Structures are given as C-alpha cells and as structure tokens.
Amino acid sequence: MPIISVIIYGISGDLSFFDQKLIDRVIKLLGNSLFVSSVVTAISVFFGIIITFCLRRMQFKGIGILRVLMLLPLVNPAFVGAIAFIMLFGSRGLITYKILHLSVSPYGWQGIVILQVLSLVTYAYILISSSIKNVDTTIEQAARNLGASESTILFKITLPMMIPEITSAALLVFLSSMADFTTPLMIGGKFSTLASDLYVQITGVYNMKSAAVSGIILLIPCAAAFFAQRHFSTRKSYFSDASNERDIVYENVSKPIKMALIFCTLCFVSFFIIKFGFIVIGALTKNWGYDYTLTLDHVREALSMNLRPFVNSVKLSFVTALTASFMGVVLSYIINRKKIIVPVFVDFIGVFPAAVPGILFGIGYLVTFKYPIFGIGKYILPNLSPWIILGTSVIIYLICIARSLNVAMKSGYALLEHIDPDLEDASYNLGAGKIKTFRLVLMPLLTEAVAASYLKIFSSTMTTLGAIIFLILPKNKVAVQVIFQSITHSAIGVPATLALLLSFVTLALMGVFYVILNRKSITDKFKGVIQHEN
C-alpha cells in the first residue's frame, strides 16, 4: 500500500508521467543498475560459496577468529565504509597515494561494484552457510565409496543440494544492490543508477513525477528476479537428513585448494580489518590524513553528546529483529507447505519491500499515513482525522519490520526445502496438533534460519538509515542518523568515534544473542574443559 500510494501521488494530476525523454533517461539508468547488480550478485555469491566452504567445511588454526571477523561489515553503516574506501584507496588515499604512490580514481561503476561486494558478501556467506548442515553427508560418502572424485561430488551432489540457499542469497544480494542509493551517490562519480537518481529526484529536484517513473521501472526487474529465484529453487526436491554436525570437515581436499580458499577468505577479512582500523584511527587521532597524533578529544566530545539515539537504535533493532525473524520464518512455513491460498502472491508481497529503495518506501509510509485507516480513509472517510502515528516510534517500527520480513522468509523458505514433510505427517499420526508439531518438530530444525535472519536484521537495522530518514523526529533519533549528520557537518574524528561506539554495541549484542542461542554447546565445552583439567 505505501508503494502504491507514492506512485499514485507521483503520477496523478497530469500526463507528464508518459514523457518520452523521461522514459528514455530512466531506461538508461535501469541498464546501469542491472549491469552493476548482476556483476555484484555474481561476485558476492561466488565468494560467499567459497568462504562458506572455507569456514564451514575445513579445519585450521584461527578459523574461529575468521568467522567472527567475517561479520564486521554487519556492524558498520554503509556510508562509513564508502568514506573509508575513499580515504584509503582514493586518488589521495593513505594506501594508494601515500604508501604505494599511485594516483588512481575509485569513482565509477568499478568503485560501486567493489564496495557493494565487500558489503554484501557477508550476507551471502551467512545465508549460504546455513545450508551446509542440511547436506546429507551420507550421500557424499556413498558417492566416494562408488569411486566419485571430490569435484564430481561437489558439482553433482553438494552444490545442487545448496541451491535453495544459493538462489535466496543471490536474490537478496541482487535486490540490495538494485535498491542501494548511498554507494552510487558517494563513489559513483558520473555513473548513476536508478536508485541514486530516485534519491536525487525526491530530495534534490523535488520531482515526484520522475521519482514515480523510476520507482515503477525499478520494480520490474526486481519482480522478475523474485519469480526467477522461485522457479529455480522449486524445480526439484531437496529433502535430506540434516547432518548432526554443525561443521563437516572435508578430509580429502588437496592442500593447494585449501590454501586458495583460505587466501580468498583472508583477502576479504583483511579489507574488513583495514576498514575497521580506519574507524579506530579516525577516532583516536587528531586529524585523519594530516595529523596522526593520538588523542582522546573525539572520544570525550562524542561521549558528551546525547546518547539517547543509541538506546533508541538498540530497542528498534531488537524488536525488529525478533519480530521479523519469527514472523518471516512462520510465513515461510505457511507458504512452503501451502497452508494458504495463493502462496506465491503472499511470498511476493513479503519480499516486495526489499525491491524498493528505502527512501521510496519511507516516502510511501509518509504519504499513506497522512490519512486514516492506513490511507484508505482518504477515499471512504475524507472528513475523518488521521490516526496520528507520523513522528512516533510506531511508524518507524512498522517500516523496519516490513522491510526486514523478506530476509527471514527467504532464509526459512530455503531451509524448509530440505525438511521432508513426512516428519510433520509422522507427528500428526502420533496425535500432535499443528501448533505442537510446528513448535516441537519444525522450529528446532529452523533454528539456523531464525539465527541467520536475526543477525542480519539486527545489524542492518542498527546501521541503515534510508527507509526511515524522513520519518524521524528529534525525540526518536537513531544512532546512524547522528553519525550521518556528524559526517556532513564535521571532520572524521567525532563520526568515527560514534561509528566505533555503534560497532561495539552491535557486536556486543550480537555476541549475547550467539551465547543465548548456543548456550548448551558452550556449557558442554566449558564442562569438558573443567573435567579435563581435573
């Protein structure tokens, strides 16, 4: 409804919507968006698979640390990463110019691709890694016993069994890239995408007509990607007996391949560390790029500010992640098991918000909630005052949950492809009802989907601003907004300190969630260590 509202709001009044020059410009921008998003999706998913096999099917020293470091992009706002990239690798960057003495420009489609890949490869890794424990290793072992090579097993058994998670990751990466407007604006230079142009049309030119055209055109390839993903993931059945081991080790992988996988993973982790190091150095030195004298002035200034936005961010992220991850997994079960009429339509509605740039989605909520009964009252109750939620926390929670449902739905849907419905039938035959079966049989098997969704949603809500930027008032500011405003109004020091604080808060809360989720295994390991020492 919010998207329909903003489109109607934009095209109503005259026929300038059908201007041929406008259509031609939008089509050209669409080509740019499709090109960048396709390249980003292919690279992100490819390396997401490689990192998954490295960190989930191998054992080597330091693997636990690498798993944690792979999550670093989740705790930093995207625009901070863009600034770090420019300051480190720009034409006057610390690494490219001052250390390597190179004069290169990071601006253009190449810079957009690099930044989006570095940001989205972690999401691809999280979603794809949830499939590893659902690959029945007895099938792989049977193939080995029959003489199949490791490459044959990989391409004929393992990867095909991971298709639901791989296609879900590809869809979400593609949609995220298509809807990203901050990266093209900051590092695209003369290269524009449809999402970045949409942002300019709304905030710079104030042309809702053009923004409506961009929004409508942008939705077409996103909808096509949704149906393509659904087609490829539902052509076959992927039921298997889930492995009892969280990490299954490849015994027969050759040393060169193992080293190559570790090297690829280390390359990504190294950049994540460098980017995080930029934030630390920016926070603890006087002036990035000029004076690297250590100081705590920025820390003192940041801590003297009102930290209420950080509390607001934590509450918003916790409620959004908890609600969206549970609701999304439940909806994925209802859709996958066809417990509802027109499941494809419901699935599309759930994923649809991911295909819409956050700023357009926020404008849609702004337009919709100007009128009572979620906008319908404009037509049936024109004289009734609207239910005032604009400027309150309610509308911010609503939009964040709506934007996040798709992550849990795709993650849950992919995992359900591996769960045989006969398990439910057996539970029913033993006298258990539908709710009890879902709670005791399916939910334990869907824990990986809930956990992956919670982590992604929590971190993205803590660090994303686009969808809610027009809905926030001073009383309900969030931390990422404060950081964004600090970057535009001051030097690097204070924003870097605030970004560092946001990262630590996000990491700490994600760590608490991990401990709660894995409390049994952690307790067992702790008891084992004590018994071994005794």
Protein backbone atom coordinates (compact mmCIF):
# COMPACT_ATOMS: atom_id res chain seq x y z
CA MET A 1 0.00 0.00 0.00
CA PRO A 2 2.76 2.58 0.76
CA ILE A 3 4.35 1.98 -2.64
CA ILE A 4 1.00 2.19 -4.42
CA SER A 5 0.33 5.43 -2.53
CA VAL A 6 3.58 7.09 -3.57
CA ILE A 7 3.17 6.02 -7.21
CA ILE A 8 -0.39 7.37 -7.36
CA TYR A 9 0.77 10.51 -5.57
CA GLY A 10 3.54 10.96 -8.10
CA ILE A 11 1.65 10.33 -11.36
CA SER A 12 -1.69 11.91 -10.52
CA GLY A 13 -2.61 15.30 -11.95
CA ASP A 14 -1.17 15.27 -15.46
CA LEU A 15 0.33 13.02 -18.13
CA SER A 16 3.95 14.09 -17.72
CA PHE A 17 4.48 10.60 -16.39
CA PHE A 18 4.48 9.40 -20.01
CA ASP A 19 7.10 11.87 -21.25
CA GLN A 20 9.34 10.02 -23.73
CA LYS A 21 12.55 11.81 -22.70
CA LEU A 22 11.93 10.86 -19.10
CA ILE A 23 11.30 7.24 -20.05
CA ASP A 24 14.49 7.11 -22.16
CA ARG A 25 16.59 8.51 -19.31
CA VAL A 26 15.11 6.07 -16.82
CA ILE A 27 15.70 3.11 -19.16
CA LYS A 28 19.36 4.11 -19.50
CA LEU A 29 19.70 4.29 -15.72
CA LEU A 30 17.97 0.93 -15.45
CA GLY A 31 20.65 -0.55 -17.71
CA ASN A 32 23.32 0.83 -15.36
CA SER A 33 21.55 -0.65 -12.34
CA LEU A 34 21.11 -4.06 -13.96
CA PHE A 35 24.74 -4.16 -15.02
CA VAL A 36 26.11 -3.28 -11.59
CA SER A 37 23.65 -5.50 -9.69
CA SER A 38 24.32 -8.51 -11.93
CA VAL A 39 28.09 -8.20 -11.50
CA VAL A 40 27.76 -7.65 -7.75
CA THR A 41 25.42 -10.63 -7.38
CA ALA A 42 27.67 -12.99 -9.34
CA ILE A 43 30.82 -11.99 -7.45
CA SER A 44 29.18 -11.89 -4.00
CA VAL A 45 27.51 -15.29 -4.34
CA PHE A 46 30.65 -16.87 -5.83
CA PHE A 47 32.85 -15.71 -2.97
CA GLY A 48 30.06 -16.39 -0.47
CA ILE A 49 30.19 -20.05 -1.53
CA ILE A 50 33.99 -20.12 -1.33
CA ILE A 51 34.03 -18.56 2.14
CA THR A 52 31.30 -20.93 3.29
CA PHE A 53 33.33 -23.99 2.29
CA CYS A 54 36.44 -22.48 3.84
CA LEU A 55 34.91 -21.60 7.20
CA ARG A 56 32.31 -24.38 7.48
CA ARG A 57 33.92 -27.43 5.87
CA MET A 58 37.55 -27.11 6.83
CA GLN A 59 39.58 -27.02 10.00
CA PHE A 60 42.67 -24.88 10.51
CA LYS A 61 44.15 -22.66 13.17
CA GLY A 62 42.36 -19.36 13.61
CA ILE A 63 39.13 -20.43 11.90
CA GLY A 64 37.05 -19.21 14.85
CA ILE A 65 38.59 -15.74 14.63
CA LEU A 66 37.95 -15.59 10.88
CA ARG A 67 34.29 -16.48 11.42
CA VAL A 68 33.92 -13.53 13.78
CA LEU A 69 35.84 -11.13 11.54
CA MET A 70 33.64 -12.04 8.57
CA LEU A 71 30.77 -10.39 10.44
CA LEU A 72 32.49 -6.99 10.71
CA PRO A 73 30.59 -5.45 7.75
CA LEU A 74 27.37 -6.06 9.65
CA VAL A 75 28.25 -3.55 12.34
CA ASN A 76 29.25 -0.53 10.25
CA PRO A 77 26.95 1.84 8.34
CA ALA A 78 27.42 1.54 4.57
CA PHE A 79 28.33 5.21 4.14
CA VAL A 80 31.16 4.81 6.68
CA GLY A 81 32.56 2.03 4.50
CA ALA A 82 32.35 4.28 1.45
CA ILE A 83 34.23 7.07 3.23
CA ALA A 84 36.85 4.60 4.46
CA PHE A 85 37.31 3.30 0.92
CA ILE A 86 37.82 6.81 -0.47
CA MET A 87 40.20 7.83 2.33
CA LEU A 88 42.26 4.64 1.97
CA PHE A 89 42.16 3.91 -1.76
CA GLY A 90 41.17 7.22 -3.37
CA SER A 91 43.36 9.41 -5.57
CA ARG A 92 44.85 10.88 -2.38
CA GLY A 93 44.23 7.81 -0.24
CA LEU A 94 46.52 6.68 2.55
CA ILE A 95 47.30 3.32 0.92
CA THR A 96 47.16 4.10 -2.81
CA TYR A 97 48.84 7.54 -2.78
CA LYS A 98 50.93 7.90 0.37
CA ILE A 99 52.13 4.29 0.68
CA LEU A 100 52.04 2.89 -2.88
CA HIS A 101 52.48 6.29 -4.63
CA LEU A 102 49.67 5.54 -7.09
CA SER A 103 47.22 8.06 -8.49
CA VAL A 104 44.03 6.16 -9.17
CA SER A 105 40.40 7.19 -9.03
CA PRO A 106 37.94 4.99 -7.12
CA TYR A 107 34.95 6.70 -8.72
CA GLY A 108 32.77 5.00 -11.30
CA TRP A 109 30.95 1.71 -11.64
CA GLN A 110 34.07 -0.22 -10.59
CA GLY A 111 34.09 1.51 -7.22
CA ILE A 112 30.38 0.81 -6.75
CA VAL A 113 30.91 -2.88 -7.53
CA ILE A 114 33.87 -3.22 -5.17
CA LEU A 115 32.11 -1.52 -2.27
CA GLN A 116 28.83 -3.39 -2.72
CA VAL A 117 30.64 -6.73 -2.98
CA LEU A 118 32.61 -6.03 0.18
CA SER A 119 29.38 -5.15 1.94
CA LEU A 120 27.08 -7.88 0.59
CA VAL A 121 29.44 -10.86 0.50
CA THR A 122 28.91 -11.27 4.25
CA TYR A 123 25.14 -11.54 3.77
CA ALA A 124 25.70 -14.14 1.04
CA TYR A 125 28.03 -16.07 3.35
CA ILE A 126 25.55 -16.04 6.25
CA LEU A 127 22.65 -17.29 4.11
CA ILE A 128 24.65 -19.90 2.19
CA SER A 129 26.44 -21.24 5.28
CA SER A 130 23.09 -22.17 6.82
CA SER A 131 22.76 -24.84 4.10
CA ILE A 132 25.94 -26.74 4.95
CA LYS A 133 24.45 -28.73 7.83
CA ASN A 134 21.45 -29.64 5.67
CA VAL A 135 23.52 -31.52 3.12
CA ASP A 136 23.27 -35.23 3.92
CA THR A 137 26.91 -36.32 4.20
CA THR A 138 25.97 -40.00 3.83
CA ILE A 139 25.10 -39.28 0.19
CA GLU A 140 28.53 -37.74 -0.33
CA GLN A 141 30.22 -40.67 1.39
CA ALA A 142 28.26 -43.14 -0.71
CA ALA A 143 29.46 -41.35 -3.85
CA ARG A 144 33.07 -41.59 -2.62
CA ASN A 145 32.66 -45.29 -1.97
CA LEU A 146 31.45 -45.68 -5.55
CA GLY A 147 34.61 -44.00 -6.84
CA ALA A 148 33.38 -40.47 -7.50
CA SER A 149 36.02 -37.74 -7.37
CA GLU A 150 35.76 -34.80 -4.98
CA SER A 151 34.99 -32.41 -7.84
CA THR A 152 32.20 -34.69 -9.06
CA ILE A 153 30.73 -34.85 -5.55
CA LEU A 154 30.95 -31.07 -5.25
CA PHE A 155 29.22 -30.26 -8.54
CA LYS A 156 26.79 -33.18 -8.69
CA ILE A 157 25.72 -33.52 -5.03
CA THR A 158 26.83 -30.78 -2.63
CA LEU A 159 26.18 -27.63 -4.69
CA PRO A 160 22.84 -28.86 -6.11
CA MET A 161 21.66 -29.56 -2.55
CA MET A 162 22.54 -25.96 -1.65
CA ILE A 163 20.50 -24.43 -4.50
CA PRO A 164 17.69 -23.01 -2.25
CA GLU A 165 20.16 -21.07 -0.09
CA ILE A 166 22.33 -20.02 -3.03
CA THR A 167 19.37 -18.68 -5.01
CA SER A 168 17.95 -16.95 -1.92
CA ALA A 169 21.31 -15.28 -1.31
CA ALA A 170 21.51 -14.26 -4.97
CA LEU A 171 18.03 -12.74 -4.83
CA LEU A 172 18.66 -10.73 -1.67
CA VAL A 173 22.06 -9.52 -2.89
CA PHE A 174 20.55 -8.50 -6.24
CA LEU A 175 17.68 -6.64 -4.58
CA SER A 176 20.01 -4.94 -2.10
CA SER A 177 22.29 -3.80 -4.91
CA MET A 178 19.39 -2.54 -7.02
CA ALA A 179 17.96 -0.57 -4.08
CA ASP A 180 21.27 0.88 -2.84
CA PHE A 181 21.49 4.61 -3.43
CA THR A 182 24.16 5.70 -0.94
CA THR A 183 27.10 3.89 -2.56
CA PRO A 184 26.47 5.22 -6.12
CA LEU A 185 25.95 8.72 -4.74
CA MET A 186 29.21 8.70 -2.77
CA ILE A 187 31.53 6.87 -5.15
CA GLY A 188 29.72 6.57 -8.47
CA GLY A 189 31.03 9.84 -9.87
CA LYS A 190 29.33 10.43 -13.23
CA PHE A 191 27.92 6.91 -13.19
CA SER A 192 24.35 6.94 -11.83
CA THR A 193 21.93 4.14 -11.06
CA LEU A 194 18.17 4.15 -10.93
CA ALA A 195 18.10 4.13 -7.12
CA SER A 196 20.55 7.02 -6.77
CA ASP A 197 18.63 9.03 -9.38
CA LEU A 198 15.41 8.33 -7.49
CA TYR A 199 17.00 9.77 -4.33
CA VAL A 200 18.11 12.90 -6.21
CA GLN A 201 14.66 13.36 -7.77
CA ILE A 202 12.98 13.22 -4.34
CA THR A 203 15.44 15.15 -2.17
CA GLY A 204 17.23 17.40 -4.65
CA VAL A 205 14.89 18.19 -7.53
CA TYR A 206 11.63 17.53 -5.61
CA ASN A 207 10.21 15.87 -8.71
CA MET A 208 7.82 13.14 -7.56
CA LYS A 209 6.73 12.51 -11.15
CA SER A 210 10.20 11.43 -12.18
CA ALA A 211 10.67 9.54 -8.91
CA ALA A 212 7.44 7.64 -9.55
CA VAL A 213 8.66 6.60 -13.01
CA SER A 214 11.98 5.45 -11.54
CA GLY A 215 10.16 3.54 -8.80
CA ILE A 216 7.85 1.74 -11.22
CA ILE A 217 10.65 0.82 -13.64
CA LEU A 218 12.87 -0.32 -10.76
CA LEU A 219 10.23 -2.76 -9.55
CA ILE A 220 10.03 -4.62 -12.88
CA PRO A 221 13.46 -6.38 -12.83
CA CYS A 222 13.16 -6.92 -9.09
CA ALA A 223 9.85 -8.74 -9.55
CA ALA A 224 11.37 -10.74 -12.41
CA ALA A 225 14.28 -11.74 -10.17
CA PHE A 226 11.85 -12.90 -7.49
CA PHE A 227 9.96 -15.21 -9.84
CA ALA A 228 13.21 -16.49 -11.38
CA GLN A 229 14.55 -17.41 -7.94
CA ARG A 230 11.33 -19.16 -7.02
CA HIS A 231 11.38 -21.09 -10.30
CA PHE A 232 14.96 -22.34 -9.90
CA SER A 233 14.58 -23.26 -6.22
CA THR A 234 11.30 -25.20 -6.63
CA ARG A 235 12.08 -27.24 -9.75
CA LYS A 236 13.39 -30.12 -7.64
CA SER A 237 13.09 -31.51 -4.12
CA TYR A 238 15.98 -31.00 -1.72
CA PHE A 239 14.82 -33.11 1.23
CA SER A 240 17.65 -34.71 3.18
CA ASP A 241 18.52 -35.86 6.65
CA ALA A 242 20.23 -32.87 8.21
CA SER A 243 23.71 -33.56 9.48
CA ASN A 244 24.16 -33.73 13.23
CA GLU A 245 27.42 -31.84 12.93
CA ARG A 246 27.43 -28.08 12.63
CA ASP A 247 30.73 -28.20 10.72
CA ILE A 248 31.59 -31.12 8.45
CA VAL A 249 35.27 -31.36 7.57
CA TYR A 250 36.49 -32.25 4.10
CA GLU A 251 39.13 -34.93 4.65
CA ASN A 252 40.28 -35.35 1.05
CA VAL A 253 40.64 -31.75 -0.14
CA SER A 254 44.04 -31.06 -1.67
CA LYS A 255 46.39 -28.64 0.04
CA PRO A 256 46.55 -26.15 -2.90
CA ILE A 257 42.74 -25.88 -2.98
CA LYS A 258 42.60 -25.49 0.79
CA MET A 259 45.23 -22.74 0.69
CA ALA A 260 43.40 -20.99 -2.17
CA LEU A 261 40.12 -20.96 -0.23
CA ILE A 262 41.86 -19.65 2.89
CA PHE A 263 43.64 -16.97 0.81
CA CYS A 264 40.34 -15.72 -0.68
CA THR A 265 38.79 -15.56 2.77
CA LEU A 266 41.81 -13.74 4.19
CA CYS A 267 41.62 -11.13 1.41
CA PHE A 268 38.08 -10.17 2.40
CA VAL A 269 38.83 -10.31 6.12
CA SER A 270 41.92 -8.15 5.61
CA PHE A 271 39.91 -5.39 3.99
CA PHE A 272 37.30 -5.59 6.74
CA ILE A 273 40.08 -5.16 9.31
CA ILE A 274 41.60 -2.25 7.36
CA LYS A 275 38.22 -0.54 7.14
CA PHE A 276 37.62 -1.06 10.85
CA GLY A 277 41.16 0.19 11.51
CA PHE A 278 40.31 3.39 9.61
CA ILE A 279 37.45 3.99 12.04
CA VAL A 280 39.69 3.34 15.06
CA ILE A 281 42.48 5.60 13.78
CA GLY A 282 39.98 8.30 12.83
CA ALA A 283 38.53 8.20 16.34
CA LEU A 284 41.86 8.24 18.20
CA THR A 285 43.95 10.68 16.13
CA LYS A 286 43.68 14.46 15.80
CA ASN A 287 43.02 14.78 12.08
CA TRP A 288 42.85 11.87 9.63
CA GLY A 289 45.18 12.37 6.67
CA TYR A 290 47.13 15.25 8.24
CA ASP A 291 47.88 14.78 11.93
CA TYR A 292 48.03 11.26 13.36
CA THR A 293 48.85 12.34 16.91
CA LEU A 294 46.95 10.19 19.39
CA THR A 295 44.18 11.96 21.27
CA LEU A 296 41.01 11.22 23.21
CA ASP A 297 39.39 14.55 22.35
CA HIS A 298 37.00 12.99 19.84
CA VAL A 299 36.00 10.31 22.34
CA ARG A 300 35.28 12.91 25.02
CA GLU A 301 33.26 15.02 22.59
CA ALA A 302 31.27 12.01 21.39
CA LEU A 303 30.53 10.82 24.93
CA SER A 304 29.42 14.32 25.92
CA MET A 305 26.69 14.18 23.28
CA ASN A 306 23.19 12.89 23.95
CA LEU A 307 23.46 9.09 23.68
CA ARG A 308 19.70 8.54 23.70
CA PRO A 309 19.76 7.74 19.95
CA PHE A 310 21.89 4.67 20.72
CA VAL A 311 19.25 3.43 23.16
CA ASN A 312 16.59 4.04 20.50
CA SER A 313 18.65 2.07 17.97
CA VAL A 314 19.05 -0.90 20.30
CA LYS A 315 15.32 -1.04 21.09
CA LEU A 316 14.34 -0.64 17.44
CA SER A 317 16.81 -3.28 16.24
CA PHE A 318 15.91 -5.80 18.94
CA VAL A 319 12.15 -5.54 18.40
CA THR A 320 12.51 -5.51 14.61
CA ALA A 321 14.88 -8.49 14.51
CA LEU A 322 12.86 -10.56 16.98
CA THR A 323 9.51 -9.83 15.32
CA ALA A 324 10.61 -10.02 11.69
CA SER A 325 12.74 -13.16 12.08
CA PHE A 326 9.96 -15.11 13.82
CA MET A 327 7.15 -13.81 11.60
CA GLY A 328 9.22 -14.38 8.46
CA VAL A 329 10.02 -17.99 9.33
CA VAL A 330 6.39 -18.70 10.22
CA LEU A 331 5.24 -17.15 6.93
CA SER A 332 7.83 -19.18 5.02
CA TYR A 333 6.40 -22.35 6.60
CA ILE A 334 2.85 -21.35 5.67
CA ILE A 335 3.92 -20.58 2.10
CA ASN A 336 6.19 -23.58 1.63
CA ARG A 337 3.66 -26.06 2.93
CA LYS A 338 0.86 -24.27 1.00
CA LYS A 339 -1.24 -23.66 4.10
CA ILE A 340 -2.70 -20.56 2.49
CA ILE A 341 -4.43 -19.58 -0.73
CA VAL A 342 -2.18 -18.10 -3.47
CA PRO A 343 1.12 -18.70 -1.62
CA VAL A 344 3.15 -17.19 -4.46
CA PHE A 345 1.31 -13.88 -4.05
CA VAL A 346 1.86 -13.82 -0.28
CA ASP A 347 5.53 -14.67 -0.79
CA PHE A 348 5.90 -11.87 -3.33
CA ILE A 349 4.24 -9.34 -1.01
CA GLY A 350 6.64 -10.34 1.77
CA VAL A 351 9.74 -9.97 -0.42
CA PHE A 352 8.45 -6.93 -2.33
CA PRO A 353 9.76 -4.28 0.14
CA ALA A 354 13.32 -5.46 -0.47
CA ALA A 355 12.95 -4.46 -4.12
CA VAL A 356 12.10 -0.88 -3.21
CA PRO A 357 14.77 1.69 -2.31
CA GLY A 358 14.46 2.58 1.34
CA ILE A 359 13.84 6.25 0.66
CA LEU A 360 10.91 5.49 -1.69
CA PHE A 361 9.49 3.10 0.89
CA GLY A 362 9.77 5.80 3.54
CA ILE A 363 8.03 8.35 1.31
CA GLY A 364 5.28 5.78 0.77
CA TYR A 365 4.67 5.48 4.50
CA LEU A 366 4.74 9.25 4.83
CA VAL A 367 2.07 9.63 2.15
CA THR A 368 -0.04 6.68 3.34
CA PHE A 369 -0.26 7.66 6.99
CA LYS A 370 -1.36 11.20 6.22
CA TYR A 371 -4.87 9.71 6.10
CA PRO A 372 -6.87 7.44 8.45
CA ILE A 373 -7.17 3.65 8.17
CA PHE A 374 -3.73 3.32 6.53
CA GLY A 375 -4.57 5.72 3.72
CA ILE A 376 -7.89 4.17 2.69
CA GLY A 377 -9.74 6.82 4.67
CA LYS A 378 -8.73 9.40 2.07
CA TYR A 379 -11.35 7.87 -0.19
CA ILE A 380 -14.04 6.49 2.15
CA LEU A 381 -13.75 8.81 5.18
CA PRO A 382 -12.42 12.12 3.83
CA ASN A 383 -13.58 14.13 6.84
CA LEU A 384 -12.09 11.85 9.50
CA SER A 385 -8.87 12.92 11.18
CA PRO A 386 -5.94 10.57 10.54
CA TRP A 387 -4.66 8.18 13.16
CA ILE A 388 -1.59 10.15 14.06
CA ILE A 389 1.48 7.92 14.02
CA LEU A 390 3.71 10.17 11.94
CA GLY A 391 6.54 11.35 14.17
CA THR A 392 6.03 8.48 16.62
CA SER A 393 8.09 5.35 17.07
CA VAL A 394 5.20 3.19 15.84
CA ILE A 395 5.64 4.06 12.18
CA ILE A 396 9.40 3.51 12.40
CA TYR A 397 8.90 0.04 13.90
CA LEU A 398 6.31 -0.78 11.22
CA ILE A 399 8.51 0.20 8.31
CA CYS A 400 11.58 -1.59 9.68
CA ILE A 401 9.65 -4.82 10.25
CA ALA A 402 8.06 -4.63 6.80
CA ARG A 403 11.48 -4.06 5.20
CA SER A 404 13.06 -6.96 7.09
CA LEU A 405 10.48 -9.73 6.67
CA ASN A 406 11.96 -10.79 3.33
CA VAL A 407 15.26 -11.86 4.91
CA ALA A 408 13.62 -14.30 7.33
CA MET A 409 11.16 -15.52 4.71
CA LYS A 410 13.87 -16.37 2.18
CA SER A 411 16.11 -17.93 4.81
CA GLY A 412 13.26 -20.01 6.27
CA TYR A 413 11.94 -20.97 2.85
CA ALA A 414 15.37 -22.19 1.73
CA LEU A 415 15.81 -24.28 4.88
CA LEU A 416 12.33 -25.78 4.61
CA GLU A 417 13.25 -27.11 1.16
CA HIS A 418 15.48 -29.61 2.99
CA ILE A 419 12.88 -30.77 5.54
CA ASP A 420 10.76 -33.71 4.46
CA PRO A 421 7.00 -33.13 5.08
CA ASP A 422 6.82 -36.77 6.23
CA LEU A 423 8.24 -35.58 9.56
CA GLU A 424 5.12 -33.50 10.10
CA ASP A 425 2.86 -36.35 9.00
CA ALA A 426 4.55 -38.66 11.49
CA SER A 427 3.94 -36.13 14.25
CA TYR A 428 0.28 -35.81 13.27
CA ASN A 429 -0.09 -39.60 13.27
CA LEU A 430 1.25 -39.68 16.81
CA GLY A 431 -1.51 -37.33 17.93
CA ALA A 432 0.28 -33.98 17.96
CA GLY A 433 -1.61 -30.94 16.68
CA LYS A 434 -0.38 -28.44 14.11
CA ILE A 435 0.89 -25.91 16.65
CA LYS A 436 2.68 -28.54 18.73
CA THR A 437 4.21 -30.08 15.60
CA PHE A 438 5.48 -26.72 14.44
CA ARG A 439 6.84 -25.86 17.90
CA LEU A 440 8.50 -29.19 18.75
CA VAL A 441 9.39 -30.63 15.35
CA LEU A 442 9.94 -27.81 12.87
CA MET A 443 11.18 -24.90 14.98
CA PRO A 444 14.27 -26.79 16.26
CA LEU A 445 15.11 -27.57 12.63
CA LEU A 446 14.57 -23.92 11.65
CA THR A 447 16.89 -22.52 14.33
CA GLU A 448 19.61 -21.81 11.75
CA ALA A 449 17.17 -19.75 9.66
CA VAL A 450 15.98 -17.76 12.68
CA ALA A 451 19.56 -17.14 13.86
CA ALA A 452 20.83 -16.04 10.44
CA SER A 453 17.81 -13.79 9.95
CA TYR A 454 18.08 -12.27 13.42
CA LEU A 455 21.76 -11.39 12.97
CA LYS A 456 21.23 -9.87 9.54
CA ILE A 457 18.10 -7.92 10.53
CA PHE A 458 19.52 -6.70 13.84
CA SER A 459 22.74 -5.45 12.28
CA SER A 460 21.07 -3.86 9.25
CA THR A 461 18.51 -2.07 11.44
CA MET A 462 21.31 -0.73 13.63
CA THR A 463 23.22 0.61 10.62
CA THR A 464 20.61 1.51 7.97
CA LEU A 465 19.02 4.93 7.57
CA GLY A 466 17.41 5.24 4.12
CA ALA A 467 13.90 3.93 4.81
CA ILE A 468 13.33 5.97 7.97
CA ILE A 469 15.23 9.16 7.21
CA PHE A 470 12.03 11.19 6.56
CA LEU A 471 10.07 9.68 9.46
CA ILE A 472 12.40 10.53 12.35
CA LEU A 473 11.89 13.48 14.67
CA PRO A 474 14.45 14.72 17.23
CA LYS A 475 12.72 12.76 20.01
CA ASN A 476 13.19 9.39 18.29
CA LYS A 477 16.52 9.84 16.53
CA VAL A 478 18.64 6.73 15.95
CA ALA A 479 22.40 6.38 16.19
CA VAL A 480 23.10 6.01 12.47
CA GLN A 481 21.31 9.30 11.80
CA VAL A 482 23.53 11.08 14.32
CA ILE A 483 26.62 9.61 12.61
CA PHE A 484 25.38 10.65 9.17
CA GLN A 485 24.75 14.21 10.36
CA SER A 486 28.15 14.34 12.05
CA ILE A 487 29.91 13.30 8.83
CA THR A 488 28.19 16.04 6.85
CA HIS A 489 28.87 18.74 9.46
CA SER A 490 32.30 17.94 10.91
CA ALA A 491 35.64 16.21 10.35
CA ILE A 492 36.22 12.48 10.58
CA GLY A 493 37.04 12.32 14.31
CA VAL A 494 33.65 12.51 16.02
CA PRO A 495 31.74 10.49 13.37
CA ALA A 496 34.44 7.80 13.54
CA THR A 497 34.09 7.66 17.33
CA LEU A 498 30.32 7.37 17.08
CA ALA A 499 30.66 4.68 14.39
CA LEU A 500 33.11 2.81 16.63
CA LEU A 501 30.68 3.02 19.54
CA LEU A 502 27.87 1.77 17.31
CA SER A 503 30.05 -1.13 16.14
CA PHE A 504 30.93 -2.18 19.69
CA VAL A 505 27.31 -2.00 20.83
CA THR A 506 26.15 -4.04 17.82
CA LEU A 507 28.91 -6.64 18.23
CA ALA A 508 28.24 -6.98 21.96
CA LEU A 509 24.51 -7.54 21.48
CA MET A 510 25.11 -9.98 18.62
CA GLY A 511 27.52 -11.82 20.91
CA VAL A 512 24.88 -12.02 23.64
CA PHE A 513 22.42 -13.47 21.13
CA TYR A 514 25.02 -16.02 19.99
CA VAL A 515 25.70 -17.13 23.57
CA ILE A 516 21.97 -17.49 24.29
CA LEU A 517 21.42 -19.45 21.08
CA ASN A 518 24.39 -21.77 21.66
CA ARG A 519 24.28 -21.90 25.45
CA LYS A 520 24.02 -25.70 25.54
CA SER A 521 27.08 -26.36 23.37
CA ILE A 522 29.06 -23.63 25.17
CA THR A 523 28.14 -25.13 28.56
CA ASP A 524 29.13 -28.61 27.39
CA LYS A 525 32.51 -27.35 26.14
CA PHE A 526 33.08 -25.48 29.41
CA LYS A 527 32.27 -28.60 31.44
CA GLY A 528 34.59 -30.65 29.22
CA VAL A 529 37.47 -28.24 29.83
CA ILE A 530 36.92 -28.35 33.61
CA GLN A 531 36.77 -32.16 33.63
CA HIS A 532 39.93 -32.35 31.51
CA GLU A 533 41.82 -30.07 33.93
CA ASN A 534 40.64 -32.12 36.91
